[in-house]
Amino acid sequence: MTDSASHRSQADSIVGAENTKLQLVLFSSDSALLKKLSAFSKELPYIGFEVGQGPQVAAKAHLDAFWATLMVGVELFGAVPPFPLHEARVLRTPQTQVRRGLPKYGVVGVAVSPDDPKSPEFNLRLVLSSLLKATREFNARNPGQILRVGILPDDLELGKLDPAIAFRIVKEVYEQAGGGET
């Protein structure tokens, strides 16, 4: 399944605009999961899907960045604690990882407080809003560098939410973030 290709023509027109909308590419080796999720995101042209993992997806989906959790960010992108609460950071991918096929950047986050809610809805909102904010701020200093970010469905807790609810939340977060413009 390369729903990314079907979304790509719509996405390219959005990415080519002056105020671009960040494209999220959900990727997984589980094609059934991606097919299920894609049925609920058809009205969101800034969401794409790609079957595969890591470098394979980075190449096929023309990704500028991968989202990584804090621990993965330490390993892949050299993220160094302490991590700011409720924020993500954009890091340049080390050359050793770029040679392996990873994109130029990693978006790494997000530290939470022990007092934060432990719900999938909260985590989806927090991860997505911090990702959008970090890439918008990065692109304000480095125009057009990050237009497409790959992320695992699990990092957005999509397996723990009803897909209709999950993509309603995605749409709300994009709207609250100024349309996800980068």
N, C-alpha and C. Protein backbone atom coordinates (compact mmCIF):
# COMPACT_ATOMS: atom_id res chain seq x y z
N MET A 1 0.85 -1.18 0.00
CA MET A 1 0.00 0.00 0.00
C MET A 1 0.88 1.23 0.00
N THR A 2 0.68 2.10 -0.93
CA THR A 2 1.39 3.37 -0.91
C THR A 2 0.36 4.47 -1.07
N ASP A 3 -0.44 4.60 -0.02
CA ASP A 3 -1.43 5.67 -0.04
C ASP A 3 -0.73 7.01 -0.10
N SER A 4 0.56 7.01 0.27
CA SER A 4 1.34 8.22 0.17
C SER A 4 1.35 8.73 -1.26
N ALA A 5 1.41 7.81 -2.21
CA ALA A 5 1.42 8.22 -3.61
C ALA A 5 0.11 8.88 -4.00
N SER A 6 -1.01 8.35 -3.50
CA SER A 6 -2.30 8.96 -3.84
C SER A 6 -2.46 10.31 -3.15
N HIS A 7 -1.89 10.43 -1.98
CA HIS A 7 -1.94 11.72 -1.28
C HIS A 7 -0.92 12.69 -1.84
N ARG A 8 0.12 12.15 -2.52
CA ARG A 8 1.24 12.99 -2.94
C ARG A 8 0.82 14.11 -3.87
N SER A 9 -0.08 13.85 -4.82
CA SER A 9 -0.45 14.92 -5.75
C SER A 9 -1.14 16.06 -5.01
N GLN A 10 -2.01 15.71 -4.06
CA GLN A 10 -2.63 16.76 -3.24
C GLN A 10 -1.57 17.42 -2.37
N ALA A 11 -0.71 16.60 -1.78
CA ALA A 11 0.30 17.11 -0.87
C ALA A 11 1.26 18.04 -1.59
N ASP A 12 1.67 17.67 -2.81
CA ASP A 12 2.62 18.51 -3.53
C ASP A 12 2.04 19.90 -3.76
N SER A 13 0.75 20.00 -4.04
CA SER A 13 0.17 21.32 -4.26
C SER A 13 0.14 22.11 -2.96
N ILE A 14 -0.06 21.43 -1.84
CA ILE A 14 -0.06 22.12 -0.56
C ILE A 14 1.37 22.52 -0.19
N VAL A 15 2.32 21.58 -0.38
CA VAL A 15 3.71 21.86 -0.06
C VAL A 15 4.26 22.98 -0.92
N GLY A 16 3.80 23.09 -2.15
CA GLY A 16 4.31 24.12 -3.05
C GLY A 16 3.77 25.50 -2.75
N ALA A 17 2.79 25.61 -1.89
CA ALA A 17 2.21 26.90 -1.57
C ALA A 17 3.17 27.71 -0.71
N GLU A 18 2.93 29.03 -0.65
CA GLU A 18 3.80 29.90 0.12
C GLU A 18 3.80 29.52 1.60
N ASN A 19 2.63 29.38 2.19
CA ASN A 19 2.51 28.87 3.56
C ASN A 19 2.21 27.39 3.44
N THR A 20 3.20 26.57 3.71
CA THR A 20 3.03 25.15 3.49
C THR A 20 2.50 24.44 4.72
N LYS A 21 1.74 23.41 4.47
CA LYS A 21 1.21 22.57 5.53
C LYS A 21 2.15 21.39 5.70
N LEU A 22 2.58 21.15 6.90
CA LEU A 22 3.45 20.02 7.17
C LEU A 22 2.72 18.73 6.83
N GLN A 23 3.38 17.87 6.08
CA GLN A 23 2.83 16.57 5.70
C GLN A 23 3.30 15.52 6.70
N LEU A 24 2.36 14.79 7.29
CA LEU A 24 2.70 13.67 8.15
C LEU A 24 2.54 12.40 7.34
N VAL A 25 3.54 11.55 7.39
CA VAL A 25 3.48 10.25 6.73
C VAL A 25 3.52 9.19 7.82
N LEU A 26 2.38 8.54 8.01
CA LEU A 26 2.30 7.45 8.98
C LEU A 26 2.87 6.21 8.30
N PHE A 27 3.82 5.56 8.98
CA PHE A 27 4.43 4.39 8.36
C PHE A 27 4.48 3.23 9.34
N SER A 28 4.39 2.04 8.76
CA SER A 28 4.39 0.82 9.56
C SER A 28 4.58 -0.36 8.60
N SER A 29 5.04 -1.48 9.12
CA SER A 29 5.09 -2.69 8.31
C SER A 29 3.73 -3.38 8.29
N ASP A 30 2.80 -2.89 9.10
CA ASP A 30 1.45 -3.46 9.19
C ASP A 30 0.52 -2.78 8.18
N SER A 31 0.43 -3.33 6.98
CA SER A 31 -0.38 -2.71 5.94
C SER A 31 -1.86 -2.69 6.29
N ALA A 32 -2.34 -3.68 7.04
CA ALA A 32 -3.75 -3.71 7.44
C ALA A 32 -4.07 -2.53 8.36
N LEU A 33 -3.18 -2.23 9.28
CA LEU A 33 -3.38 -1.08 10.16
C LEU A 33 -3.43 0.21 9.36
N LEU A 34 -2.50 0.39 8.44
CA LEU A 34 -2.47 1.61 7.63
C LEU A 34 -3.72 1.74 6.77
N LYS A 35 -4.18 0.64 6.23
CA LYS A 35 -5.40 0.66 5.42
C LYS A 35 -6.60 1.07 6.27
N LYS A 36 -6.68 0.52 7.47
CA LYS A 36 -7.76 0.88 8.40
C LYS A 36 -7.71 2.37 8.73
N LEU A 37 -6.53 2.87 9.05
CA LEU A 37 -6.39 4.28 9.41
C LEU A 37 -6.67 5.20 8.23
N SER A 38 -6.23 4.81 7.05
CA SER A 38 -6.40 5.69 5.88
C SER A 38 -7.87 5.93 5.55
N ALA A 39 -8.71 4.97 5.88
CA ALA A 39 -10.15 5.13 5.60
C ALA A 39 -10.75 6.29 6.40
N PHE A 40 -10.11 6.65 7.50
CA PHE A 40 -10.63 7.70 8.37
C PHE A 40 -9.95 9.06 8.16
N SER A 41 -8.99 9.12 7.25
CA SER A 41 -8.23 10.36 7.09
C SER A 41 -8.35 10.94 5.69
N LYS A 42 -9.29 10.46 4.92
CA LYS A 42 -9.40 10.89 3.51
C LYS A 42 -9.61 12.39 3.36
N GLU A 43 -10.24 13.04 4.33
CA GLU A 43 -10.47 14.49 4.23
C GLU A 43 -9.27 15.31 4.70
N LEU A 44 -8.20 14.63 5.08
CA LEU A 44 -7.00 15.31 5.58
C LEU A 44 -5.85 15.11 4.58
N PRO A 45 -5.72 16.01 3.60
CA PRO A 45 -4.72 15.81 2.55
C PRO A 45 -3.28 15.91 3.05
N TYR A 46 -3.08 16.34 4.28
CA TYR A 46 -1.73 16.45 4.84
C TYR A 46 -1.32 15.18 5.59
N ILE A 47 -2.11 14.12 5.47
CA ILE A 47 -1.78 12.83 6.06
C ILE A 47 -1.56 11.83 4.94
N GLY A 48 -0.42 11.14 4.97
CA GLY A 48 -0.13 10.10 4.01
C GLY A 48 0.23 8.82 4.74
N PHE A 49 0.35 7.74 4.00
CA PHE A 49 0.64 6.43 4.57
C PHE A 49 1.68 5.74 3.70
N GLU A 50 2.55 5.00 4.35
CA GLU A 50 3.58 4.27 3.62
C GLU A 50 3.89 2.98 4.38
N VAL A 51 3.87 1.85 3.66
CA VAL A 51 4.22 0.57 4.26
C VAL A 51 5.73 0.43 4.25
N GLY A 52 6.30 0.06 5.38
CA GLY A 52 7.73 -0.15 5.47
C GLY A 52 8.28 0.42 6.75
N GLN A 53 9.60 0.42 6.83
CA GLN A 53 10.29 0.91 8.01
C GLN A 53 11.50 1.76 7.62
N GLY A 54 11.88 2.64 8.53
CA GLY A 54 13.12 3.39 8.46
C GLY A 54 13.54 3.93 7.12
N PRO A 55 14.78 3.59 6.70
CA PRO A 55 15.33 4.15 5.47
C PRO A 55 14.48 3.88 4.23
N GLN A 56 13.85 2.71 4.18
CA GLN A 56 12.99 2.37 3.04
C GLN A 56 11.87 3.40 2.90
N VAL A 57 11.23 3.74 4.00
CA VAL A 57 10.13 4.72 3.99
C VAL A 57 10.67 6.11 3.71
N ALA A 58 11.80 6.45 4.29
CA ALA A 58 12.39 7.77 4.08
C ALA A 58 12.59 8.03 2.60
N ALA A 59 13.07 7.03 1.87
CA ALA A 59 13.32 7.18 0.43
C ALA A 59 12.01 7.21 -0.35
N LYS A 60 11.13 6.25 -0.09
CA LYS A 60 9.87 6.16 -0.86
C LYS A 60 8.99 7.38 -0.66
N ALA A 61 8.93 7.90 0.57
CA ALA A 61 8.02 9.01 0.89
C ALA A 61 8.71 10.37 0.81
N HIS A 62 9.99 10.40 0.44
CA HIS A 62 10.74 11.66 0.33
C HIS A 62 10.65 12.48 1.62
N LEU A 63 10.97 11.82 2.73
CA LEU A 63 10.86 12.47 4.03
C LEU A 63 12.02 13.42 4.29
N ASP A 64 11.70 14.51 4.96
CA ASP A 64 12.72 15.46 5.42
C ASP A 64 13.13 15.17 6.85
N ALA A 65 12.24 14.49 7.60
CA ALA A 65 12.50 14.21 9.01
C ALA A 65 11.71 13.00 9.46
N PHE A 66 12.21 12.40 10.53
CA PHE A 66 11.48 11.36 11.26
C PHE A 66 11.15 11.92 12.63
N TRP A 67 9.99 11.56 13.16
CA TRP A 67 9.67 11.81 14.57
C TRP A 67 10.31 10.68 15.36
N ALA A 68 10.86 11.00 16.52
CA ALA A 68 11.42 9.99 17.41
C ALA A 68 11.07 10.32 18.85
N THR A 69 10.77 9.28 19.61
CA THR A 69 10.59 9.45 21.04
C THR A 69 11.93 9.84 21.65
N LEU A 70 11.92 10.24 22.89
CA LEU A 70 13.15 10.72 23.53
C LEU A 70 14.27 9.68 23.50
N MET A 71 13.95 8.45 23.89
CA MET A 71 15.00 7.42 23.95
C MET A 71 15.52 7.07 22.56
N VAL A 72 14.64 6.99 21.59
CA VAL A 72 15.08 6.73 20.22
C VAL A 72 15.86 7.93 19.70
N GLY A 73 15.44 9.13 20.09
CA GLY A 73 16.15 10.35 19.69
C GLY A 73 17.58 10.39 20.20
N VAL A 74 17.79 9.88 21.40
CA VAL A 74 19.15 9.80 21.95
C VAL A 74 19.99 8.88 21.08
N GLU A 75 19.42 7.72 20.74
CA GLU A 75 20.15 6.71 19.97
C GLU A 75 20.40 7.13 18.52
N LEU A 76 19.35 7.60 17.83
CA LEU A 76 19.47 7.89 16.40
C LEU A 76 19.99 9.28 16.07
N PHE A 77 19.59 10.27 16.86
CA PHE A 77 19.87 11.66 16.49
C PHE A 77 20.80 12.38 17.46
N GLY A 78 21.27 11.68 18.50
CA GLY A 78 22.19 12.28 19.44
C GLY A 78 21.55 13.30 20.37
N ALA A 79 20.25 13.17 20.61
CA ALA A 79 19.57 14.08 21.54
C ALA A 79 20.21 13.95 22.92
N VAL A 80 20.35 15.09 23.59
CA VAL A 80 21.01 15.12 24.89
C VAL A 80 20.05 15.69 25.94
N PRO A 81 19.81 14.91 27.02
CA PRO A 81 18.98 15.44 28.10
C PRO A 81 19.67 16.63 28.76
N PRO A 82 18.97 17.45 29.51
CA PRO A 82 17.55 17.33 29.85
C PRO A 82 16.67 17.77 28.69
N PHE A 83 15.48 17.21 28.65
CA PHE A 83 14.51 17.52 27.61
C PHE A 83 13.47 18.48 28.16
N PRO A 84 13.15 19.51 27.41
CA PRO A 84 12.14 20.47 27.89
C PRO A 84 10.76 19.82 27.97
N LEU A 85 10.04 20.16 29.00
CA LEU A 85 8.70 19.64 29.23
C LEU A 85 7.75 20.08 28.12
N HIS A 86 7.02 19.13 27.55
CA HIS A 86 5.96 19.39 26.55
C HIS A 86 6.49 20.01 25.26
N GLU A 87 7.76 19.83 24.94
CA GLU A 87 8.32 20.41 23.72
C GLU A 87 9.09 19.37 22.94
N ALA A 88 9.16 19.58 21.65
CA ALA A 88 9.99 18.75 20.77
C ALA A 88 11.13 19.61 20.25
N ARG A 89 12.18 18.97 19.79
CA ARG A 89 13.32 19.66 19.20
C ARG A 89 13.61 19.08 17.83
N VAL A 90 14.07 19.92 16.94
CA VAL A 90 14.54 19.45 15.64
C VAL A 90 16.06 19.32 15.74
N LEU A 91 16.55 18.16 15.35
CA LEU A 91 17.98 17.89 15.38
C LEU A 91 18.45 17.45 14.00
N ARG A 92 19.67 17.82 13.66
CA ARG A 92 20.26 17.35 12.40
C ARG A 92 20.67 15.90 12.61
N THR A 93 20.33 15.07 11.66
CA THR A 93 20.68 13.65 11.73
C THR A 93 22.19 13.49 11.55
N PRO A 94 22.85 12.72 12.43
CA PRO A 94 24.28 12.47 12.25
C PRO A 94 24.56 11.81 10.89
N GLN A 95 25.69 12.13 10.30
CA GLN A 95 26.05 11.62 8.97
C GLN A 95 26.03 10.10 8.90
N THR A 96 26.39 9.44 9.99
CA THR A 96 26.37 7.97 9.97
C THR A 96 24.95 7.47 9.73
N GLN A 97 23.96 8.14 10.28
CA GLN A 97 22.56 7.76 10.09
C GLN A 97 22.05 8.18 8.71
N VAL A 98 22.50 9.31 8.22
CA VAL A 98 22.11 9.75 6.87
C VAL A 98 22.62 8.73 5.84
N ARG A 99 23.84 8.25 6.03
CA ARG A 99 24.39 7.24 5.11
C ARG A 99 23.57 5.95 5.17
N ARG A 100 22.94 5.67 6.29
CA ARG A 100 22.07 4.48 6.40
C ARG A 100 20.72 4.72 5.74
N GLY A 101 20.44 5.98 5.33
CA GLY A 101 19.19 6.27 4.64
C GLY A 101 18.17 7.06 5.42
N LEU A 102 18.53 7.53 6.61
CA LEU A 102 17.59 8.35 7.37
C LEU A 102 17.54 9.76 6.79
N PRO A 103 16.44 10.47 7.01
CA PRO A 103 16.34 11.84 6.50
C PRO A 103 17.31 12.78 7.22
N LYS A 104 17.42 14.00 6.71
CA LYS A 104 18.37 14.99 7.24
C LYS A 104 18.09 15.41 8.68
N TYR A 105 16.83 15.28 9.11
CA TYR A 105 16.47 15.79 10.43
C TYR A 105 15.67 14.76 11.22
N GLY A 106 15.74 14.94 12.54
CA GLY A 106 14.89 14.21 13.46
C GLY A 106 14.13 15.22 14.29
N VAL A 107 12.88 14.95 14.53
CA VAL A 107 12.08 15.76 15.45
C VAL A 107 11.88 14.87 16.68
N VAL A 108 12.42 15.30 17.81
CA VAL A 108 12.52 14.46 18.99
C VAL A 108 11.70 15.05 20.13
N GLY A 109 10.89 14.20 20.76
CA GLY A 109 10.11 14.66 21.91
C GLY A 109 9.32 13.50 22.49
N VAL A 110 8.64 13.69 23.49
CA VAL A 110 8.33 14.89 24.20
C VAL A 110 8.27 14.50 25.67
N ALA A 111 8.94 15.26 26.53
CA ALA A 111 8.95 14.97 27.96
C ALA A 111 7.62 15.38 28.59
N VAL A 112 7.17 14.52 29.50
CA VAL A 112 5.91 14.79 30.19
C VAL A 112 6.14 14.84 31.69
N SER A 113 5.20 15.46 32.36
CA SER A 113 5.22 15.56 33.81
C SER A 113 4.49 14.35 34.40
N PRO A 114 4.89 13.92 35.59
CA PRO A 114 4.15 12.84 36.24
C PRO A 114 2.68 13.20 36.49
N ASP A 115 2.39 14.49 36.51
CA ASP A 115 1.02 14.94 36.75
C ASP A 115 0.17 15.00 35.49
N ASP A 116 0.78 14.81 34.32
CA ASP A 116 0.03 14.86 33.06
C ASP A 116 -0.94 13.68 32.97
N PRO A 117 -2.05 13.88 32.28
CA PRO A 117 -2.96 12.76 32.05
C PRO A 117 -2.25 11.63 31.29
N LYS A 118 -2.69 10.43 31.52
CA LYS A 118 -2.08 9.26 30.88
C LYS A 118 -2.99 8.70 29.79
N SER A 119 -3.75 9.56 29.14
CA SER A 119 -4.70 9.09 28.14
C SER A 119 -4.12 9.18 26.73
N PRO A 120 -4.55 8.31 25.82
CA PRO A 120 -4.09 8.39 24.43
C PRO A 120 -4.47 9.72 23.78
N GLU A 121 -5.62 10.26 24.13
CA GLU A 121 -6.05 11.55 23.56
C GLU A 121 -5.07 12.66 23.94
N PHE A 122 -4.69 12.71 25.22
CA PHE A 122 -3.73 13.71 25.67
C PHE A 122 -2.40 13.55 24.94
N ASN A 123 -1.92 12.30 24.86
CA ASN A 123 -0.63 12.05 24.22
C ASN A 123 -0.66 12.40 22.73
N LEU A 124 -1.75 12.08 22.03
CA LEU A 124 -1.86 12.44 20.62
C LEU A 124 -1.78 13.95 20.45
N ARG A 125 -2.55 14.67 21.24
CA ARG A 125 -2.53 16.14 21.16
C ARG A 125 -1.13 16.69 21.47
N LEU A 126 -0.50 16.17 22.51
CA LEU A 126 0.81 16.68 22.93
C LEU A 126 1.88 16.40 21.87
N VAL A 127 1.96 15.17 21.39
CA VAL A 127 2.98 14.83 20.40
C VAL A 127 2.78 15.63 19.13
N LEU A 128 1.56 15.66 18.62
CA LEU A 128 1.31 16.36 17.36
C LEU A 128 1.52 17.86 17.49
N SER A 129 1.01 18.47 18.55
CA SER A 129 1.18 19.93 18.70
C SER A 129 2.65 20.29 18.90
N SER A 130 3.41 19.48 19.63
CA SER A 130 4.83 19.79 19.83
C SER A 130 5.61 19.58 18.53
N LEU A 131 5.25 18.56 17.74
CA LEU A 131 5.89 18.33 16.45
C LEU A 131 5.64 19.51 15.51
N LEU A 132 4.38 19.95 15.43
CA LEU A 132 4.04 21.08 14.55
C LEU A 132 4.76 22.35 14.98
N LYS A 133 4.79 22.60 16.27
CA LYS A 133 5.45 23.82 16.79
C LYS A 133 6.96 23.77 16.50
N ALA A 134 7.59 22.65 16.78
CA ALA A 134 9.04 22.54 16.57
C ALA A 134 9.40 22.72 15.09
N THR A 135 8.64 22.10 14.20
CA THR A 135 8.96 22.24 12.77
C THR A 135 8.65 23.64 12.26
N ARG A 136 7.58 24.25 12.75
CA ARG A 136 7.25 25.63 12.34
C ARG A 136 8.37 26.57 12.77
N GLU A 137 8.82 26.46 14.01
CA GLU A 137 9.90 27.34 14.50
C GLU A 137 11.20 27.08 13.75
N PHE A 138 11.51 25.81 13.49
CA PHE A 138 12.71 25.47 12.74
C PHE A 138 12.65 26.05 11.33
N ASN A 139 11.53 25.86 10.66
CA ASN A 139 11.39 26.36 9.29
C ASN A 139 11.34 27.88 9.22
N ALA A 140 10.97 28.55 10.30
CA ALA A 140 11.02 30.01 10.31
C ALA A 140 12.46 30.50 10.19
N ARG A 141 13.40 29.72 10.74
CA ARG A 141 14.83 30.06 10.67
C ARG A 141 15.50 29.43 9.45
N ASN A 142 14.90 28.36 8.92
CA ASN A 142 15.48 27.59 7.82
C ASN A 142 14.36 27.25 6.82
N PRO A 143 13.91 28.23 6.04
CA PRO A 143 12.71 28.05 5.21
C PRO A 143 12.72 26.80 4.34
N GLY A 144 11.59 26.10 4.39
CA GLY A 144 11.37 24.96 3.51
C GLY A 144 12.19 23.73 3.77
N GLN A 145 12.84 23.64 4.91
CA GLN A 145 13.70 22.49 5.18
C GLN A 145 12.90 21.23 5.54
N ILE A 146 11.86 21.40 6.34
CA ILE A 146 11.08 20.23 6.77
C ILE A 146 9.65 20.40 6.29
N LEU A 147 9.30 19.60 5.30
CA LEU A 147 7.95 19.63 4.74
C LEU A 147 7.21 18.31 4.93
N ARG A 148 7.97 17.22 5.10
CA ARG A 148 7.38 15.89 5.25
C ARG A 148 8.06 15.16 6.40
N VAL A 149 7.25 14.72 7.38
CA VAL A 149 7.78 14.03 8.56
C VAL A 149 7.14 12.65 8.65
N GLY A 150 7.97 11.64 8.80
CA GLY A 150 7.49 10.29 9.02
C GLY A 150 7.31 10.02 10.49
N ILE A 151 6.23 9.32 10.83
CA ILE A 151 5.93 9.01 12.23
C ILE A 151 5.21 7.68 12.31
N LEU A 152 5.52 6.92 13.34
CA LEU A 152 4.85 5.65 13.57
C LEU A 152 3.47 5.88 14.17
N PRO A 153 2.47 5.13 13.74
CA PRO A 153 1.14 5.27 14.35
C PRO A 153 1.17 5.11 15.88
N ASP A 154 2.03 4.23 16.38
CA ASP A 154 2.12 4.03 17.83
C ASP A 154 2.58 5.29 18.55
N ASP A 155 3.43 6.09 17.90
CA ASP A 155 3.91 7.32 18.54
C ASP A 155 2.80 8.34 18.71
N LEU A 156 1.72 8.18 17.95
CA LEU A 156 0.53 9.03 18.10
C LEU A 156 -0.58 8.31 18.85
N GLU A 157 -0.29 7.12 19.34
CA GLU A 157 -1.25 6.29 20.09
C GLU A 157 -2.48 5.94 19.25
N LEU A 158 -2.32 5.84 17.94
CA LEU A 158 -3.47 5.60 17.06
C LEU A 158 -4.07 4.21 17.25
N GLY A 159 -3.30 3.26 17.72
CA GLY A 159 -3.84 1.93 17.97
C GLY A 159 -4.71 1.85 19.21
N LYS A 160 -4.64 2.88 20.04
CA LYS A 160 -5.41 2.89 21.29
C LYS A 160 -6.67 3.74 21.20
N LEU A 161 -6.88 4.36 20.06
CA LEU A 161 -8.03 5.26 19.89
C LEU A 161 -8.90 4.78 18.74
N ASP A 162 -10.17 5.08 18.83
CA ASP A 162 -11.06 4.88 17.70
C ASP A 162 -10.54 5.78 16.58
N PRO A 163 -10.34 5.25 15.37
CA PRO A 163 -9.77 6.07 14.29
C PRO A 163 -10.55 7.35 14.00
N ALA A 164 -11.86 7.32 14.09
CA ALA A 164 -12.66 8.54 13.83
C ALA A 164 -12.32 9.61 14.85
N ILE A 165 -12.18 9.22 16.09
CA ILE A 165 -11.81 10.18 17.16
C ILE A 165 -10.38 10.66 16.96
N ALA A 166 -9.49 9.74 16.65
CA ALA A 166 -8.08 10.09 16.48
C ALA A 166 -7.90 11.14 15.39
N PHE A 167 -8.52 10.93 14.23
CA PHE A 167 -8.32 11.88 13.13
C PHE A 167 -9.10 13.17 13.32
N ARG A 168 -10.15 13.15 14.13
CA ARG A 168 -10.80 14.40 14.52
C ARG A 168 -9.83 15.22 15.37
N ILE A 169 -9.12 14.56 16.26
CA ILE A 169 -8.12 15.24 17.09
C ILE A 169 -6.99 15.78 16.21
N VAL A 170 -6.52 14.98 15.26
CA VAL A 170 -5.46 15.44 14.35
C VAL A 170 -5.91 16.71 13.63
N LYS A 171 -7.12 16.70 13.12
CA LYS A 171 -7.65 17.88 12.41
C LYS A 171 -7.72 19.09 13.34
N GLU A 172 -8.20 18.89 14.56
CA GLU A 172 -8.28 19.99 15.53
C GLU A 172 -6.90 20.56 15.86
N VAL A 173 -5.92 19.68 16.07
CA VAL A 173 -4.57 20.15 16.40
C VAL A 173 -3.98 20.92 15.23
N TYR A 174 -4.15 20.43 14.01
CA TYR A 174 -3.66 21.15 12.84
C TYR A 174 -4.32 22.53 12.76
N GLU A 175 -5.62 22.60 12.99
CA GLU A 175 -6.32 23.90 12.92
C GLU A 175 -5.84 24.83 14.02
N GLN A 176 -5.63 24.31 15.23
CA GLN A 176 -5.16 25.14 16.33
C GLN A 176 -3.73 25.61 16.09
N ALA A 177 -2.97 24.86 15.32
CA ALA A 177 -1.58 25.20 15.04
C ALA A 177 -1.48 26.07 13.79
N GLY A 178 -2.55 26.74 13.44
CA GLY A 178 -2.52 27.60 12.26
C GLY A 178 -2.54 26.81 10.98
N GLY A 179 -3.24 25.67 10.99
CA GLY A 179 -3.31 24.87 9.79
C GLY A 179 -2.10 24.00 9.57
N GLY A 180 -1.23 23.90 10.59
CA GLY A 180 -0.02 23.11 10.42
C GLY A 180 0.97 23.74 9.47
N GLU A 181 0.82 25.06 9.27
CA GLU A 181 1.72 25.74 8.32
C GLU A 181 3.12 25.80 8.90
N THR A 182 4.07 25.55 7.99
CA THR A 182 5.48 25.55 8.42
C THR A 182 6.16 26.81 7.95
